Amino acid sequence: MRTYNIKAVHMVRLEEGTEIISELKKACNNMKGGIIKGIGGLDKAKIAVFNPEKGEYDVREVIGFHEIASLSGNLSVKKDGEKFLHLHVVLGSWRGVIAGHLIEGYVRGTAEIAIFELDEELNRTIEARGLTLLDL
């Protein structure tokens, strides 16, 4: 366990048609670590679920409007200095609910996202079982 302080809270509203991951990477460009929460809607997305037997992710494409019932995750820094967004999403429509890692998602309507910027760098460098884990 490691304790961080919140340096600032940034509110982001994404316009229809924008891709969430790329826009959040831009918004987080000068941050060293963060906690991310959001709601909104997506029209098209790629969701992944980790398969521990294979040590890799199974990816599914989601087409058509879905509400973002929950978007949550973190921003960390990998060994090579790359900013890494680890985001989970729960998407719902009248057809059902799907959840997993958000790989790609295009906003429909809007997306309202809070980024809780941390005061220190959150590192992700531990390799284990096909995953890159946080250094805590």
Protein backbone atom coordinates (compact mmCIF):
# COMPACT_ATOMS: atom_id res chain seq x y z
CA MET A 1 0.00 0.00 0.00
CA ARG A 2 1.10 3.53 -0.72
CA THR A 3 -0.66 6.80 0.11
CA TYR A 4 -1.02 9.67 -2.36
CA ASN A 5 -2.58 13.11 -2.05
CA ILE A 6 -4.91 14.66 -4.60
CA LYS A 7 -3.09 17.59 -6.24
CA ALA A 8 -6.08 18.79 -8.31
CA VAL A 9 -9.39 17.64 -9.77
CA HIS A 10 -9.80 18.25 -13.50
CA MET A 11 -13.22 18.04 -15.17
CA VAL A 12 -13.30 17.07 -18.85
CA ARG A 13 -16.30 17.08 -21.19
CA LEU A 14 -15.80 15.23 -24.46
CA GLU A 15 -17.75 16.05 -27.59
CA GLU A 16 -19.66 13.59 -29.72
CA GLY A 17 -17.44 11.60 -32.08
CA THR A 18 -14.22 12.00 -30.08
CA GLU A 19 -12.24 8.93 -29.04
CA ILE A 20 -12.02 8.71 -25.23
CA ILE A 21 -8.58 7.12 -24.76
CA SER A 22 -6.71 9.50 -27.08
CA GLU A 23 -8.47 12.57 -25.64
CA LEU A 24 -7.77 11.51 -22.05
CA LYS A 25 -4.10 10.91 -22.89
CA LYS A 26 -3.94 14.51 -24.13
CA ALA A 27 -5.71 15.80 -21.01
CA CYS A 28 -3.33 13.82 -18.75
CA ASN A 29 -0.17 14.69 -20.68
CA ASN A 30 1.46 16.72 -17.88
CA MET A 31 0.27 14.49 -15.02
CA LYS A 32 2.35 11.87 -13.20
CA GLY A 33 -0.56 9.81 -11.92
CA GLY A 34 -4.29 9.98 -11.43
CA ILE A 35 -7.65 8.41 -10.69
CA ILE A 36 -10.32 8.62 -13.38
CA LYS A 37 -14.13 8.45 -13.08
CA GLY A 38 -16.73 9.18 -15.72
CA ILE A 39 -20.19 8.82 -17.25
CA GLY A 40 -21.73 9.50 -20.65
CA GLY A 41 -22.43 7.58 -23.82
CA LEU A 42 -20.55 5.62 -26.48
CA ASP A 43 -21.56 4.69 -30.00
CA LYS A 44 -18.75 2.25 -30.76
CA ALA A 45 -16.20 0.66 -28.44
CA LYS A 46 -13.63 -2.09 -28.01
CA ILE A 47 -13.81 -3.87 -24.66
CA ALA A 48 -11.28 -6.43 -23.44
CA VAL A 49 -11.39 -9.05 -20.69
CA PHE A 50 -8.19 -10.68 -19.43
CA ASN A 51 -7.98 -14.43 -19.98
CA PRO A 52 -5.66 -15.77 -17.22
CA GLU A 53 -5.26 -19.17 -18.92
CA LYS A 54 -3.87 -17.55 -22.09
CA GLY A 55 -2.19 -14.62 -20.33
CA GLU A 56 -3.78 -12.22 -22.83
CA TYR A 57 -6.90 -10.17 -23.44
CA ASP A 58 -9.97 -11.26 -25.38
CA VAL A 59 -11.39 -8.25 -27.25
CA ARG A 60 -15.00 -7.64 -28.28
CA GLU A 61 -16.35 -4.81 -30.39
CA VAL A 62 -19.52 -3.09 -29.19
CA ILE A 63 -21.63 -1.34 -31.84
CA GLY A 64 -24.57 0.99 -31.26
CA PHE A 65 -25.36 3.45 -28.49
CA HIS A 66 -24.60 2.39 -24.93
CA GLU A 67 -24.70 4.44 -21.72
CA ILE A 68 -21.46 4.60 -19.76
CA ALA A 69 -22.85 3.43 -16.42
CA SER A 70 -19.34 3.60 -14.98
CA LEU A 71 -15.90 4.55 -16.24
CA SER A 72 -13.16 4.10 -13.67
CA GLY A 73 -9.45 3.55 -13.60
CA ASN A 74 -6.07 5.16 -13.23
CA LEU A 75 -3.25 6.93 -15.01
CA SER A 76 0.25 5.59 -14.38
CA VAL A 77 3.73 5.74 -15.90
CA LYS A 78 5.42 2.66 -17.41
CA LYS A 79 9.16 1.80 -17.36
CA ASP A 80 9.75 3.53 -20.70
CA GLY A 81 8.04 6.73 -19.48
CA GLU A 82 4.84 6.12 -21.46
CA LYS A 83 1.63 7.30 -19.80
CA PHE A 84 -0.73 4.34 -19.34
CA LEU A 85 -4.49 4.63 -18.90
CA HIS A 86 -5.96 1.56 -17.19
CA LEU A 87 -9.70 2.07 -17.63
CA HIS A 88 -12.62 -0.23 -16.89
CA VAL A 89 -16.06 0.49 -18.24
CA VAL A 90 -19.60 -0.76 -17.68
CA LEU A 91 -21.79 -0.13 -20.75
CA GLY A 92 -25.52 -0.64 -20.79
CA SER A 93 -28.40 -0.54 -23.26
CA TRP A 94 -31.82 -2.16 -23.49
CA ARG A 95 -30.01 -5.11 -25.07
CA GLY A 96 -27.89 -5.76 -21.98
CA VAL A 97 -24.73 -4.86 -20.10
CA ILE A 98 -21.08 -5.43 -20.97
CA ALA A 99 -18.02 -4.62 -18.89
CA GLY A 100 -14.25 -4.83 -19.20
CA HIS A 101 -11.14 -2.83 -20.07
CA LEU A 102 -11.89 0.09 -22.36
CA ILE A 103 -9.51 -0.20 -25.32
CA GLU A 104 -11.24 2.32 -27.59
CA GLY A 105 -14.50 4.23 -27.41
CA TYR A 106 -16.23 6.91 -29.49
CA VAL A 107 -18.42 9.39 -27.62
CA ARG A 108 -22.12 9.63 -28.44
CA GLY A 109 -23.85 12.62 -26.90
CA THR A 110 -21.21 13.50 -24.34
CA ALA A 111 -18.78 12.09 -21.80
CA GLU A 112 -18.17 13.82 -18.47
CA ILE A 113 -14.95 12.73 -16.83
CA ALA A 114 -13.21 13.67 -13.58
CA ILE A 115 -9.44 13.25 -13.34
CA PHE A 116 -8.09 13.30 -9.79
CA GLU A 117 -4.46 14.25 -10.32
CA LEU A 118 -2.04 12.69 -7.82
CA ASP A 119 0.80 14.62 -6.20
CA GLU A 120 3.43 11.95 -6.98
CA GLU A 121 4.22 9.61 -9.85
CA LEU A 122 2.21 6.39 -9.97
CA ASN A 123 4.48 3.77 -11.55
CA ARG A 124 3.50 0.58 -13.38
CA THR A 125 6.59 -1.59 -13.91
CA ILE A 126 6.04 -4.99 -12.25
CA GLU A 127 5.58 -7.79 -14.84
CA ALA A 128 3.59 -10.80 -13.60
CA ARG A 129 1.33 -13.40 -15.25
CA GLY A 130 0.99 -11.43 -18.50
CA LEU A 131 0.11 -8.20 -16.68
CA THR A 132 2.03 -5.01 -15.89
CA LEU A 133 1.20 -4.11 -12.29
CA LEU A 134 1.42 -0.97 -10.17
CA ASP A 135 4.47 -0.49 -7.96
CA LEU A 136 2.80 -0.26 -4.56
